[in-house]
């Protein structure tokens, strides 16, 4: 189970429940969670750039940039995706 808390939203992901609800897109939900996990260290200045996170996570900068932009999707849209609606 994955929990990520933000002042406007809370990500909750349970693969068992998700299997029962086929409307949810697990990969997209995981991408939102990853984007938020990468955002926190930048916000807290543990890393100075997304490139540093890419080195640590061993992913390409292009991929990380695309995923990172998910942090700026409207909270209502994120909630609808998580709920499978």
N, C-alpha and C. Protein backbone atom coordinates (compact mmCIF):
# COMPACT_ATOMS: atom_id res chain seq x y z
N UNK A 1 0.85 -1.17 0.00
CA UNK A 1 0.00 0.00 0.00
C UNK A 1 0.90 1.24 0.00
N UNK A 2 0.50 2.26 -0.71
CA UNK A 2 1.28 3.47 -0.84
C UNK A 2 0.47 4.64 -0.33
N UNK A 3 1.03 5.41 0.57
CA UNK A 3 0.37 6.60 1.08
C UNK A 3 1.30 7.78 0.86
N UNK A 4 0.80 8.81 0.23
CA UNK A 4 1.55 10.05 0.08
C UNK A 4 0.60 11.17 0.47
N UNK A 5 1.03 11.99 1.39
CA UNK A 5 0.17 13.05 1.88
C UNK A 5 0.64 14.41 1.36
N UNK A 6 -0.28 15.19 0.96
CA UNK A 6 -0.05 16.55 0.51
C UNK A 6 -1.14 17.37 1.17
N UNK A 7 -0.97 18.66 1.29
CA UNK A 7 -2.01 19.42 1.97
C UNK A 7 -3.34 19.42 1.21
N UNK A 8 -3.31 19.18 -0.09
CA UNK A 8 -4.55 19.16 -0.87
C UNK A 8 -5.04 17.77 -1.23
N UNK A 9 -4.15 16.78 -1.19
CA UNK A 9 -4.57 15.45 -1.62
C UNK A 9 -3.80 14.38 -0.88
N UNK A 10 -4.32 13.19 -0.90
CA UNK A 10 -3.66 12.04 -0.30
C UNK A 10 -3.71 10.91 -1.30
N UNK A 11 -2.55 10.37 -1.67
CA UNK A 11 -2.50 9.23 -2.57
C UNK A 11 -2.64 7.97 -1.74
N UNK A 12 -3.54 7.11 -2.12
CA UNK A 12 -3.65 5.80 -1.49
C UNK A 12 -3.70 4.78 -2.61
N UNK A 13 -2.86 3.78 -2.52
CA UNK A 13 -2.81 2.79 -3.58
C UNK A 13 -2.69 1.41 -2.96
N UNK A 14 -3.66 0.58 -3.19
CA UNK A 14 -3.67 -0.78 -2.69
C UNK A 14 -3.90 -1.69 -3.88
N UNK A 15 -2.92 -2.50 -4.24
CA UNK A 15 -3.02 -3.33 -5.45
C UNK A 15 -4.17 -4.33 -5.37
N UNK A 16 -4.50 -4.82 -4.19
CA UNK A 16 -5.61 -5.78 -4.05
C UNK A 16 -6.93 -5.11 -4.40
N UNK A 17 -7.14 -3.91 -3.88
CA UNK A 17 -8.37 -3.18 -4.20
C UNK A 17 -8.39 -2.76 -5.66
N UNK A 18 -7.20 -2.42 -6.18
CA UNK A 18 -7.12 -1.98 -7.57
C UNK A 18 -7.47 -3.12 -8.53
N UNK A 19 -7.11 -4.34 -8.18
CA UNK A 19 -7.45 -5.47 -9.04
C UNK A 19 -8.95 -5.65 -9.14
N UNK A 20 -9.66 -5.33 -8.07
CA UNK A 20 -11.11 -5.44 -8.07
C UNK A 20 -11.74 -4.34 -8.92
N UNK A 21 -11.12 -3.17 -8.96
CA UNK A 21 -11.63 -2.05 -9.73
C UNK A 21 -10.76 -1.87 -10.97
N UNK A 22 -11.21 -2.40 -12.09
CA UNK A 22 -10.42 -2.40 -13.34
C UNK A 22 -10.31 -1.01 -13.97
N UNK A 23 -11.11 -0.04 -13.51
CA UNK A 23 -11.08 1.29 -14.10
C UNK A 23 -9.83 2.08 -13.71
N UNK A 24 -9.17 1.70 -12.64
CA UNK A 24 -8.01 2.44 -12.19
C UNK A 24 -6.80 2.11 -13.05
N UNK A 25 -6.02 3.09 -13.33
CA UNK A 25 -4.80 2.92 -14.12
C UNK A 25 -3.62 2.91 -13.16
N UNK A 26 -3.15 1.71 -12.81
CA UNK A 26 -2.09 1.56 -11.80
C UNK A 26 -0.80 2.26 -12.20
N UNK A 27 -0.44 2.19 -13.46
CA UNK A 27 0.81 2.82 -13.90
C UNK A 27 0.74 4.33 -13.78
N UNK A 28 -0.40 4.89 -14.11
CA UNK A 28 -0.55 6.34 -14.00
C UNK A 28 -0.53 6.78 -12.53
N UNK A 29 -1.19 6.02 -11.68
CA UNK A 29 -1.19 6.34 -10.25
C UNK A 29 0.22 6.24 -9.69
N UNK A 30 0.96 5.22 -10.10
CA UNK A 30 2.35 5.08 -9.66
C UNK A 30 3.20 6.24 -10.15
N UNK A 31 2.94 6.71 -11.35
CA UNK A 31 3.68 7.85 -11.90
C UNK A 31 3.41 9.11 -11.09
N UNK A 32 2.15 9.32 -10.68
CA UNK A 32 1.82 10.47 -9.83
C UNK A 32 2.57 10.38 -8.50
N UNK A 33 2.60 9.18 -7.93
CA UNK A 33 3.29 8.99 -6.66
C UNK A 33 4.79 9.24 -6.81
N UNK A 34 5.38 8.74 -7.89
CA UNK A 34 6.81 8.94 -8.14
C UNK A 34 7.12 10.43 -8.33
N UNK A 35 6.27 11.12 -9.06
CA UNK A 35 6.46 12.56 -9.28
C UNK A 35 6.48 13.30 -7.95
N UNK A 36 5.56 12.95 -7.08
CA UNK A 36 5.49 13.62 -5.79
C UNK A 36 6.71 13.27 -4.93
N UNK A 37 7.15 12.01 -5.00
CA UNK A 37 8.33 11.60 -4.24
C UNK A 37 9.58 12.33 -4.72
N UNK A 38 9.66 12.64 -5.99
CA UNK A 38 10.80 13.39 -6.50
C UNK A 38 10.68 14.88 -6.18
N UNK A 39 9.46 15.35 -6.02
CA UNK A 39 9.25 16.77 -5.73
C UNK A 39 9.70 17.15 -4.32
N UNK A 40 9.46 16.26 -3.37
CA UNK A 40 9.79 16.57 -1.98
C UNK A 40 11.26 16.90 -1.76
N UNK A 41 12.22 16.08 -2.24
CA UNK A 41 13.63 16.43 -2.02
C UNK A 41 14.05 17.74 -2.68
N UNK A 42 13.44 18.06 -3.81
CA UNK A 42 13.75 19.34 -4.46
C UNK A 42 13.21 20.50 -3.63
N UNK A 43 12.02 20.32 -3.11
CA UNK A 43 11.39 21.36 -2.29
C UNK A 43 12.17 21.58 -1.00
N UNK A 44 12.65 20.49 -0.41
CA UNK A 44 13.40 20.58 0.84
C UNK A 44 14.89 20.84 0.61
N UNK A 45 15.27 21.03 -0.65
CA UNK A 45 16.64 21.35 -1.07
C UNK A 45 17.65 20.26 -0.70
N UNK A 46 17.20 19.00 -0.68
CA UNK A 46 18.14 17.89 -0.51
C UNK A 46 18.89 17.65 -1.83
N UNK A 47 18.22 17.98 -2.93
CA UNK A 47 18.83 17.94 -4.25
C UNK A 47 18.66 19.30 -4.88
N UNK A 48 19.61 19.70 -5.71
CA UNK A 48 19.51 21.02 -6.34
C UNK A 48 18.87 20.97 -7.72
N UNK A 49 18.79 19.76 -8.30
CA UNK A 49 18.19 19.67 -9.63
C UNK A 49 17.59 18.29 -9.85
N UNK A 50 16.74 18.22 -10.84
CA UNK A 50 16.14 16.95 -11.21
C UNK A 50 17.20 16.00 -11.76
N UNK A 51 18.25 16.55 -12.35
CA UNK A 51 19.34 15.73 -12.88
C UNK A 51 20.02 14.93 -11.76
N UNK A 52 20.15 15.51 -10.59
CA UNK A 52 20.74 14.80 -9.45
C UNK A 52 19.85 13.62 -9.04
N UNK A 53 18.56 13.84 -9.05
CA UNK A 53 17.62 12.77 -8.71
C UNK A 53 17.72 11.66 -9.75
N UNK A 54 17.85 12.03 -11.02
CA UNK A 54 17.98 11.04 -12.09
C UNK A 54 19.19 10.14 -11.87
N UNK A 55 20.30 10.73 -11.46
CA UNK A 55 21.49 9.93 -11.19
C UNK A 55 21.25 8.96 -10.04
N UNK A 56 20.60 9.44 -9.00
CA UNK A 56 20.33 8.60 -7.84
C UNK A 56 19.35 7.47 -8.20
N UNK A 57 18.29 7.80 -8.94
CA UNK A 57 17.26 6.84 -9.29
C UNK A 57 17.61 6.00 -10.53
N UNK A 58 18.67 6.39 -11.21
CA UNK A 58 19.12 5.70 -12.43
C UNK A 58 18.05 5.70 -13.52
N UNK A 59 17.52 6.89 -13.79
CA UNK A 59 16.53 7.09 -14.86
C UNK A 59 17.01 8.25 -15.72
N UNK A 60 16.48 8.31 -16.94
CA UNK A 60 16.85 9.38 -17.85
C UNK A 60 16.18 10.70 -17.49
N UNK A 61 16.83 11.78 -17.84
CA UNK A 61 16.30 13.11 -17.55
C UNK A 61 15.00 13.38 -18.30
N UNK A 62 14.90 12.90 -19.54
CA UNK A 62 13.67 13.12 -20.32
C UNK A 62 12.48 12.44 -19.63
N UNK A 63 12.66 11.18 -19.23
CA UNK A 63 11.60 10.45 -18.52
C UNK A 63 11.24 11.17 -17.21
N UNK A 64 12.26 11.53 -16.44
CA UNK A 64 12.01 12.17 -15.15
C UNK A 64 11.29 13.51 -15.33
N UNK A 65 11.64 14.24 -16.36
CA UNK A 65 10.98 15.53 -16.61
C UNK A 65 9.50 15.35 -16.92
N UNK A 66 9.19 14.33 -17.71
CA UNK A 66 7.78 14.06 -18.04
C UNK A 66 7.00 13.64 -16.81
N UNK A 67 7.60 12.77 -16.01
CA UNK A 67 6.91 12.31 -14.80
C UNK A 67 6.79 13.46 -13.80
N UNK A 68 7.84 14.25 -13.66
CA UNK A 68 7.83 15.35 -12.68
C UNK A 68 6.72 16.36 -12.96
N UNK A 69 6.40 16.56 -14.23
CA UNK A 69 5.33 17.51 -14.58
C UNK A 69 3.96 17.11 -14.04
N UNK A 70 3.82 15.84 -13.66
CA UNK A 70 2.54 15.40 -13.08
C UNK A 70 2.24 16.09 -11.76
N UNK A 71 3.25 16.70 -11.15
CA UNK A 71 3.03 17.46 -9.91
C UNK A 71 2.12 18.67 -10.13
N UNK A 72 1.97 19.08 -11.37
CA UNK A 72 1.24 20.30 -11.66
C UNK A 72 -0.15 20.05 -12.26
N UNK A 73 -0.59 18.81 -12.22
CA UNK A 73 -1.95 18.48 -12.65
C UNK A 73 -2.91 18.90 -11.54
N UNK A 74 -4.07 19.41 -11.92
CA UNK A 74 -5.06 19.88 -10.95
C UNK A 74 -5.44 18.76 -9.97
N UNK A 75 -5.54 19.09 -8.68
CA UNK A 75 -5.87 18.07 -7.67
C UNK A 75 -7.17 17.32 -7.96
N UNK A 76 -8.14 17.98 -8.55
CA UNK A 76 -9.41 17.32 -8.87
C UNK A 76 -9.21 16.23 -9.92
N UNK A 77 -8.33 16.47 -10.86
CA UNK A 77 -8.05 15.49 -11.90
C UNK A 77 -7.31 14.29 -11.31
N UNK A 78 -6.33 14.57 -10.45
CA UNK A 78 -5.59 13.50 -9.79
C UNK A 78 -6.53 12.63 -8.97
N UNK A 79 -7.40 13.28 -8.23
CA UNK A 79 -8.37 12.54 -7.41
C UNK A 79 -9.26 11.67 -8.26
N UNK A 80 -9.72 12.18 -9.39
CA UNK A 80 -10.58 11.39 -10.29
C UNK A 80 -9.83 10.19 -10.85
N UNK A 81 -8.56 10.35 -11.17
CA UNK A 81 -7.76 9.24 -11.68
C UNK A 81 -7.57 8.19 -10.61
N UNK A 82 -7.25 8.62 -9.40
CA UNK A 82 -7.07 7.67 -8.28
C UNK A 82 -8.35 6.92 -7.99
N UNK A 83 -9.47 7.60 -8.06
CA UNK A 83 -10.76 6.96 -7.79
C UNK A 83 -11.27 6.12 -8.96
N UNK A 84 -10.62 6.26 -10.10
CA UNK A 84 -11.04 5.48 -11.28
C UNK A 84 -12.30 6.02 -11.93
N UNK A 85 -12.56 7.30 -11.76
CA UNK A 85 -13.75 7.91 -12.36
C UNK A 85 -13.41 8.78 -13.53
